[in-house]
Amino acid sequence: MTRIPNIVKIGNVNNNNILTLDFPPNLDKIWTKDFALQLAATEGSISALNQAVSLLHNPNLLMRPLLTKEAESSSRLEGTQASMDDVFKSAMRPDSEQSDDVREIINYQNALLRGEHIIKTRPLNQVVIRQIHSVLMSNVRGGSANPGSFRTENVWIGVLGTGMGEARYVPPDAVHIPELMKNVEEFMSNSQMHPLIACGLLHHRFEAIHPFKDGNGRTGRLLITLFLLKTQKLSKPMLYPSGFFEKNKDIYVKALNAVDVNQDWYSWLLFFLKAIEKQATISLGVASEIDKLFKDYKRLIQETAAHMALGNVLEFCFKQPYVTVGLISSALGMPANTVRRYITTLESKGILDQPYTIARGEKVYTNKALLEILRKI
């Protein structure tokens, strides 16, 4: 693969503080004992998660709560204030009543699912990156900044209201983006590096290029999961790396910046591998808890006369832990009276909590035990 220089302007451009970075970089100096041990630990955590996923009752069902958590954490890193609960509750409202913050989280979920679907049959390339960015930025703040199109103007990153001279980071000029992204595409397709290390390089490189006018942070974190899926390090998108980055935001930003300033790949990659290890372990625990809860509830309804149809309602309550009769009826195509009967059964068995009433007079039921699991992470 071609190595090309990237002229990245760092800090105060008036002082001509310019750093040249080659990509992919020479990583000979990162191979310490500590780094090798961390890579092995991360590999082990990912393998354990994949093995557990293969034993789950319904991975596609159980990944949705984790996907929502990833979307929440990644969006919060960009200042979004909505919570996972807000997203679940929004399903009971018309789209016109959803806040920008909620839409940003929902868009993140949709972008990841869209990307996962595309890369099953197509390479992970610039076209896919543009497509997921288009989904991510649809009808939200920044949505007027040409979603799905690389920026055509120069930008800088810093405190709101400061000029380029005071910027913390100045990405490459817009004119270089096509060439730089072509190099990224080649790297994703042809890298012979260990996929976990390549993924860490990819995430930094994408953020350094900053190819879009807005939404680069979230798109870059989406690429982590998509790259690990494409390289078959993950079997399902049940990893939420943004949780670690959110909890360690200052270190995350500092580690990324250390590459820009000092080409300190060691510190960044070590941090990145720790993040993936930690979140894979958490995802494994959460998925196992949710799977056990679902199986326990499934056994509670097996002796009911309508347990097959009731099971479909139960599954929906794991995708959407806040439900109303109307929401279930619409989603599953069931008559409202039938849904009411099933909800009464689930409530009597302690699966759904006692309802509360919202503005329109509808009763809202909650899968309280599932929400308690998700709120712990």
Protein backbone atom coordinates (compact mmCIF):
# COMPACT_ATOMS: atom_id res chain seq x y z
CA MET A 1 0.00 0.00 0.00
CA THR A 2 1.24 3.49 -0.85
CA ARG A 3 2.56 5.56 2.03
CA ILE A 4 1.80 9.22 1.49
CA PRO A 5 2.76 12.23 3.59
CA ASN A 6 -0.03 14.13 5.31
CA ILE A 7 0.72 17.74 6.15
CA VAL A 8 -1.25 18.31 9.33
CA LYS A 9 -1.19 21.76 10.87
CA ILE A 10 -1.03 21.66 14.65
CA GLY A 11 -1.68 24.44 17.14
CA ASN A 12 -1.02 28.06 16.20
CA VAL A 13 -0.63 28.10 12.43
CA ASN A 14 0.65 31.67 12.61
CA ASN A 15 3.80 30.21 14.15
CA ASN A 16 4.12 27.71 11.31
CA ASN A 17 3.81 24.77 13.67
CA ILE A 18 3.47 22.06 11.01
CA LEU A 19 3.94 18.34 11.44
CA THR A 20 4.40 15.78 8.69
CA LEU A 21 2.87 12.36 9.33
CA ASP A 22 3.36 9.32 7.16
CA PHE A 23 0.60 6.75 6.99
CA PRO A 24 0.62 3.96 7.86
CA PRO A 25 3.31 4.84 10.41
CA ASN A 26 6.33 2.79 11.38
CA LEU A 27 5.33 1.01 14.59
CA ASP A 28 8.60 -0.80 15.40
CA LYS A 29 8.98 1.12 18.68
CA ILE A 30 5.58 0.21 20.14
CA TRP A 31 6.42 -3.45 20.73
CA THR A 32 7.18 -3.48 24.43
CA LYS A 33 6.25 -6.29 26.81
CA ASP A 34 3.40 -4.18 28.24
CA PHE A 35 2.01 -3.51 24.78
CA ALA A 36 2.15 -7.18 23.77
CA LEU A 37 0.40 -8.18 27.00
CA GLN A 38 -2.30 -5.56 26.43
CA LEU A 39 -2.88 -6.72 22.86
CA ALA A 40 -3.25 -10.31 24.08
CA ALA A 41 -5.69 -9.23 26.81
CA THR A 42 -7.77 -7.26 24.31
CA GLU A 43 -7.77 -10.17 21.88
CA GLY A 44 -8.94 -12.46 24.68
CA SER A 45 -11.80 -10.16 25.67
CA ILE A 46 -13.03 -9.85 22.09
CA SER A 47 -12.83 -13.63 21.60
CA ALA A 48 -14.80 -14.23 24.80
CA LEU A 49 -17.49 -11.79 23.66
CA ASN A 50 -17.78 -13.46 20.26
CA GLN A 51 -17.98 -16.92 21.82
CA ALA A 52 -20.72 -15.80 24.20
CA VAL A 53 -22.68 -14.16 21.37
CA SER A 54 -22.81 -17.49 19.54
CA LEU A 55 -24.58 -19.01 22.57
CA LEU A 56 -27.15 -16.27 23.06
CA HIS A 57 -30.83 -17.01 22.44
CA ASN A 58 -31.25 -14.13 19.99
CA PRO A 59 -28.15 -11.95 19.41
CA ASN A 60 -29.99 -9.65 17.01
CA LEU A 61 -32.55 -8.91 19.72
CA LEU A 62 -30.09 -8.51 22.57
CA MET A 63 -27.70 -6.24 20.65
CA ARG A 64 -30.28 -3.45 20.37
CA PRO A 65 -29.98 -2.23 23.99
CA LEU A 66 -26.17 -2.24 23.70
CA LEU A 67 -26.38 -0.40 20.40
CA THR A 68 -28.54 2.27 22.04
CA LYS A 69 -25.98 2.61 24.83
CA GLU A 70 -23.14 3.03 22.32
CA ALA A 71 -25.15 5.66 20.45
CA GLU A 72 -25.82 7.54 23.69
CA SER A 73 -22.16 7.57 24.77
CA SER A 74 -20.78 8.55 21.36
CA SER A 75 -23.31 11.37 21.01
CA ARG A 76 -22.60 12.64 24.54
CA LEU A 77 -18.95 13.05 23.60
CA GLU A 78 -20.18 15.67 21.12
CA GLY A 79 -22.36 17.45 23.69
CA THR A 80 -25.68 15.67 23.15
CA GLN A 81 -27.66 15.70 26.39
CA ALA A 82 -30.38 13.10 25.69
CA SER A 83 -30.24 9.82 27.60
CA MET A 84 -30.94 6.25 26.64
CA ASP A 85 -34.27 6.54 28.48
CA ASP A 86 -35.17 9.58 26.37
CA VAL A 87 -34.57 7.55 23.22
CA PHE A 88 -36.72 4.64 24.37
CA LYS A 89 -39.52 6.99 25.44
CA SER A 90 -39.39 8.84 22.12
CA ALA A 91 -40.84 5.79 20.36
CA MET A 92 -44.19 6.70 21.90
CA ARG A 93 -44.18 10.17 20.33
CA PRO A 94 -44.54 11.39 16.74
CA ASP A 95 -41.25 12.08 14.94
CA SER A 96 -42.13 15.79 14.91
CA GLU A 97 -41.93 15.86 18.72
CA GLN A 98 -38.46 14.31 18.95
CA SER A 99 -35.70 16.64 20.11
CA ASP A 100 -32.50 17.14 18.13
CA ASP A 101 -30.57 15.31 20.86
CA VAL A 102 -32.82 12.26 20.63
CA ARG A 103 -32.66 12.24 16.83
CA GLU A 104 -28.86 12.34 16.97
CA ILE A 105 -28.79 9.16 19.06
CA ILE A 106 -31.39 7.43 16.89
CA ASN A 107 -29.44 8.43 13.77
CA TYR A 108 -26.30 6.91 15.26
CA GLN A 109 -28.09 3.61 15.77
CA ASN A 110 -29.48 3.68 12.24
CA ALA A 111 -26.09 4.58 10.75
CA LEU A 112 -24.41 1.64 12.46
CA LEU A 113 -27.13 -0.79 11.37
CA ARG A 114 -26.96 0.60 7.84
CA GLY A 115 -23.20 0.21 7.75
CA GLU A 116 -23.39 -3.33 9.14
CA HIS A 117 -25.86 -4.29 6.42
CA ILE A 118 -23.78 -2.77 3.59
CA ILE A 119 -20.44 -4.33 4.52
CA LYS A 120 -21.91 -7.83 4.53
CA THR A 121 -21.67 -7.75 0.74
CA ARG A 122 -19.48 -4.74 -0.04
CA PRO A 123 -16.06 -3.45 1.03
CA LEU A 124 -15.73 -0.85 3.76
CA ASN A 125 -14.72 2.14 1.66
CA GLN A 126 -15.27 5.86 1.12
CA VAL A 127 -18.73 5.28 -0.34
CA VAL A 128 -19.84 3.45 2.80
CA ILE A 129 -18.33 6.12 5.03
CA ARG A 130 -20.28 8.79 3.16
CA GLN A 131 -23.46 6.77 3.38
CA ILE A 132 -23.28 6.27 7.14
CA HIS A 133 -22.43 9.97 7.57
CA SER A 134 -25.50 10.88 5.53
CA VAL A 135 -27.70 8.76 7.84
CA LEU A 136 -25.96 10.12 10.93
CA MET A 137 -26.49 13.77 10.02
CA SER A 138 -30.02 13.55 8.60
CA ASN A 139 -32.42 16.15 10.06
CA VAL A 140 -30.23 17.08 13.02
CA ARG A 141 -27.91 19.93 13.97
CA GLY A 142 -25.23 20.10 11.33
CA GLY A 143 -27.57 18.44 8.87
CA SER A 144 -27.29 21.47 6.60
CA ALA A 145 -23.53 20.89 6.24
CA ASN A 146 -23.82 18.57 3.21
CA PRO A 147 -24.35 15.16 4.88
CA GLY A 148 -22.46 12.46 3.03
CA SER A 149 -20.14 14.93 1.29
CA PHE A 150 -16.56 15.71 2.20
CA ARG A 151 -15.96 19.28 3.27
CA THR A 152 -14.82 21.81 0.67
CA GLU A 153 -13.64 24.44 3.11
CA ASN A 154 -10.97 24.61 5.79
CA VAL A 155 -11.95 24.20 9.43
CA TRP A 156 -10.28 24.26 12.83
CA ILE A 157 -11.00 22.78 16.24
CA GLY A 158 -10.93 24.82 19.42
CA VAL A 159 -12.96 26.72 21.96
CA LEU A 160 -16.17 28.06 20.45
CA GLY A 161 -15.64 31.56 19.12
CA THR A 162 -11.85 31.37 18.80
CA GLY A 163 -10.08 31.94 15.51
CA MET A 164 -7.79 29.63 13.61
CA GLY A 165 -4.74 31.16 15.27
CA GLU A 166 -5.93 29.93 18.68
CA ALA A 167 -7.16 26.55 17.45
CA ARG A 168 -6.27 23.39 19.35
CA TYR A 169 -6.04 21.50 16.08
CA VAL A 170 -6.23 22.46 12.41
CA PRO A 171 -7.07 19.52 10.10
CA PRO A 172 -5.58 19.27 6.60
CA ASP A 173 -6.75 21.71 3.95
CA ALA A 174 -9.91 20.58 2.20
CA VAL A 175 -8.08 20.23 -1.10
CA HIS A 176 -6.10 17.27 0.32
CA ILE A 177 -9.11 15.29 1.58
CA PRO A 178 -9.78 13.18 -1.57
CA GLU A 179 -6.19 11.94 -1.67
CA LEU A 180 -6.02 11.36 2.09
CA MET A 181 -9.31 9.44 2.16
CA LYS A 182 -8.20 7.34 -0.78
CA ASN A 183 -5.17 6.37 1.30
CA VAL A 184 -7.48 5.48 4.22
CA GLU A 185 -9.57 3.34 1.87
CA GLU A 186 -6.47 1.48 0.68
CA PHE A 187 -5.42 0.92 4.27
CA MET A 188 -8.81 -0.54 5.25
CA SER A 189 -8.68 -2.92 2.28
CA ASN A 190 -5.03 -3.97 2.28
CA SER A 191 -3.59 -3.63 5.77
CA GLN A 192 -1.60 -6.65 6.92
CA MET A 193 -1.46 -5.41 10.51
CA HIS A 194 -3.26 -7.02 13.42
CA PRO A 195 -6.88 -5.80 13.01
CA LEU A 196 -7.05 -4.33 16.52
CA ILE A 197 -3.93 -2.24 15.91
CA ALA A 198 -5.10 -1.30 12.41
CA CYS A 199 -8.43 -0.22 13.91
CA GLY A 200 -6.68 2.11 16.36
CA LEU A 201 -4.66 3.63 13.52
CA LEU A 202 -7.78 4.03 11.41
CA HIS A 203 -9.71 5.82 14.14
CA HIS A 204 -6.94 8.36 14.72
CA ARG A 205 -6.32 8.88 11.03
CA PHE A 206 -9.96 9.54 10.28
CA GLU A 207 -10.24 12.04 13.14
CA ALA A 208 -7.00 13.75 12.03
CA ILE A 209 -8.25 14.17 8.46
CA HIS A 210 -11.64 15.44 9.72
CA PRO A 211 -13.15 14.91 6.26
CA PHE A 212 -16.64 16.22 7.01
CA LYS A 213 -17.73 19.64 8.18
CA ASP A 214 -19.55 18.10 11.15
CA GLY A 215 -20.10 14.66 12.68
CA ASN A 216 -16.50 13.45 12.38
CA GLY A 217 -16.21 12.19 15.95
CA ARG A 218 -19.32 10.06 15.76
CA THR A 219 -18.46 8.77 12.27
CA GLY A 220 -14.96 7.86 13.43
CA ARG A 221 -16.34 5.89 16.36
CA LEU A 222 -18.82 4.13 14.09
CA LEU A 223 -15.85 3.06 11.97
CA ILE A 224 -14.33 1.25 14.96
CA THR A 225 -17.23 -1.20 15.14
CA LEU A 226 -17.63 -1.48 11.37
CA PHE A 227 -13.93 -2.17 10.82
CA LEU A 228 -13.90 -4.86 13.52
CA LEU A 229 -16.97 -6.43 11.94
CA LYS A 230 -15.45 -6.32 8.45
CA THR A 231 -12.18 -7.87 9.63
CA GLN A 232 -14.20 -10.52 11.52
CA LYS A 233 -12.86 -9.57 14.92
CA LEU A 234 -16.48 -8.94 15.94
CA SER A 235 -19.33 -11.23 14.96
CA LYS A 236 -22.10 -8.80 15.97
CA PRO A 237 -22.11 -5.06 16.75
CA MET A 238 -22.39 -5.70 20.49
CA LEU A 239 -19.39 -3.59 21.50
CA TYR A 240 -19.79 0.00 22.63
CA PRO A 241 -16.27 1.54 22.71
CA SER A 242 -17.64 5.06 23.20
CA GLY A 243 -18.55 4.19 26.78
CA PHE A 244 -14.86 4.06 27.74
CA PHE A 245 -14.04 7.17 25.72
CA GLU A 246 -16.88 9.08 27.39
CA LYS A 247 -15.75 8.11 30.90
CA ASN A 248 -12.14 8.99 30.04
CA LYS A 249 -12.76 11.89 27.68
CA ASP A 250 -9.75 13.99 28.73
CA ILE A 251 -7.37 11.05 28.33
CA TYR A 252 -9.01 10.11 25.02
CA VAL A 253 -8.48 13.59 23.58
CA LYS A 254 -4.97 13.85 25.03
CA ALA A 255 -3.94 10.50 23.55
CA LEU A 256 -5.24 11.46 20.12
CA ASN A 257 -3.46 14.83 20.31
CA ALA A 258 -0.19 13.18 21.36
CA VAL A 259 -0.04 11.52 17.95
CA ASP A 260 -0.66 14.84 16.19
CA VAL A 261 2.04 16.64 18.17
CA ASN A 262 4.67 13.98 18.92
CA GLN A 263 3.75 10.99 16.73
CA ASP A 264 3.19 9.14 20.03
CA TRP A 265 1.46 6.10 18.60
CA TYR A 266 2.39 3.97 21.60
CA SER A 267 0.30 5.93 24.12
CA TRP A 268 -2.68 6.19 21.80
CA LEU A 269 -2.72 2.52 20.75
CA LEU A 270 -2.23 1.32 24.34
CA PHE A 271 -5.18 3.46 25.44
CA PHE A 272 -7.25 2.27 22.50
CA LEU A 273 -6.58 -1.41 23.24
CA LYS A 274 -7.49 -0.91 26.91
CA ALA A 275 -10.73 0.72 25.82
CA ILE A 276 -11.68 -2.20 23.58
CA GLU A 277 -10.75 -4.75 26.25
CA LYS A 278 -12.78 -3.00 28.94
CA GLN A 279 -15.85 -2.49 26.78
CA ALA A 280 -15.76 -6.04 25.42
CA THR A 281 -15.78 -7.33 29.00
CA ILE A 282 -18.67 -5.04 29.92
CA SER A 283 -20.61 -5.99 26.79
CA LEU A 284 -20.15 -9.67 27.61
CA GLY A 285 -21.52 -9.18 31.12
CA VAL A 286 -24.47 -7.08 29.99
CA ALA A 287 -25.37 -9.41 27.12
CA SER A 288 -25.26 -12.40 29.47
CA GLU A 289 -27.50 -10.65 32.00
CA ILE A 290 -30.02 -9.64 29.35
CA ASP A 291 -29.97 -13.12 27.83
CA LYS A 292 -30.63 -14.73 31.24
CA LEU A 293 -33.44 -12.28 31.96
CA PHE A 294 -35.08 -13.01 28.61
CA LYS A 295 -34.84 -16.77 29.09
CA ASP A 296 -36.27 -16.50 32.62
CA TYR A 297 -39.21 -14.50 31.31
CA LYS A 298 -39.66 -16.88 28.39
CA ARG A 299 -40.08 -19.78 30.83
CA LEU A 300 -42.72 -17.81 32.75
CA ILE A 301 -44.96 -17.60 29.69
CA GLN A 302 -44.36 -21.01 28.14
CA GLU A 303 -47.42 -22.57 29.77
CA THR A 304 -49.83 -19.89 28.55
CA ALA A 305 -52.22 -20.84 25.78
CA ALA A 306 -50.91 -18.13 23.45
CA HIS A 307 -47.24 -18.35 24.36
CA MET A 308 -46.01 -18.05 20.73
CA ALA A 309 -47.73 -14.72 20.04
CA LEU A 310 -47.08 -13.61 23.60
CA GLY A 311 -43.41 -14.40 23.01
CA ASN A 312 -43.38 -11.90 20.14
CA VAL A 313 -44.71 -9.23 22.49
CA LEU A 314 -42.07 -10.17 25.06
CA GLU A 315 -39.32 -9.84 22.46
CA PHE A 316 -40.60 -6.40 21.51
CA CYS A 317 -40.38 -5.35 25.17
CA PHE A 318 -36.67 -6.14 25.06
CA LYS A 319 -36.14 -4.01 21.95
CA GLN A 320 -38.30 -1.23 23.40
CA PRO A 321 -38.53 -1.33 27.22
CA TYR A 322 -41.16 1.45 27.32
CA VAL A 323 -44.34 0.28 25.59
CA THR A 324 -47.97 1.18 25.11
CA VAL A 325 -50.83 -0.83 23.66
CA GLY A 326 -50.79 1.34 20.55
CA LEU A 327 -47.02 1.01 20.05
CA ILE A 328 -47.08 -2.79 20.23
CA SER A 329 -50.23 -3.02 18.12
CA SER A 330 -48.68 -0.90 15.37
CA ALA A 331 -45.28 -2.58 15.46
CA LEU A 332 -46.52 -6.18 15.49
CA GLY A 333 -49.77 -5.78 13.58
CA MET A 334 -51.88 -7.12 16.45
CA PRO A 335 -55.39 -5.97 17.42
CA ALA A 336 -55.33 -3.60 20.37
CA ASN A 337 -57.60 -5.82 22.46
CA THR A 338 -55.26 -8.77 21.96
CA VAL A 339 -52.28 -6.63 22.97
CA ARG A 340 -54.08 -5.49 26.13
CA ARG A 341 -54.66 -9.09 27.09
CA TYR A 342 -51.03 -10.00 26.54
CA ILE A 343 -49.80 -6.97 28.48
CA THR A 344 -52.06 -7.93 31.38
CA THR A 345 -50.45 -11.38 31.37
CA LEU A 346 -46.92 -9.95 31.34
CA GLU A 347 -47.82 -7.54 34.11
CA SER A 348 -49.34 -10.30 36.26
CA LYS A 349 -46.10 -12.30 35.98
CA GLY A 350 -43.99 -9.32 37.02
CA ILE A 351 -42.38 -8.92 33.61
CA LEU A 352 -43.86 -5.47 32.95
CA ASP A 353 -44.08 -2.90 35.71
CA GLN A 354 -47.28 -1.17 36.79
CA PRO A 355 -48.09 1.53 34.23
CA TYR A 356 -48.02 5.28 34.38
CA THR A 357 -50.13 7.56 32.21
CA ILE A 358 -48.76 10.03 29.66
CA ALA A 359 -50.36 13.20 28.31
CA ARG A 360 -52.58 11.50 25.75
CA GLY A 361 -54.06 9.24 28.43
CA GLU A 362 -52.13 6.20 27.23
CA LYS A 363 -50.71 3.83 29.81
CA VAL A 364 -46.97 3.22 29.58
CA TYR A 365 -45.56 -0.11 30.76
CA THR A 366 -41.87 -0.70 31.42
CA ASN A 367 -39.53 -3.66 31.30
CA LYS A 368 -38.06 -2.50 34.59
CA ALA A 369 -35.53 -5.29 35.06
CA LEU A 370 -34.01 -4.65 31.61
CA LEU A 371 -33.77 -0.94 32.29
CA GLU A 372 -32.01 -1.62 35.61
CA ILE A 373 -29.36 -3.70 33.79
CA LEU A 374 -28.79 -0.97 31.21
CA ARG A 375 -28.61 1.83 33.76
CA LYS A 376 -25.75 0.11 35.56
CA ILE A 377 -23.41 0.45 32.58
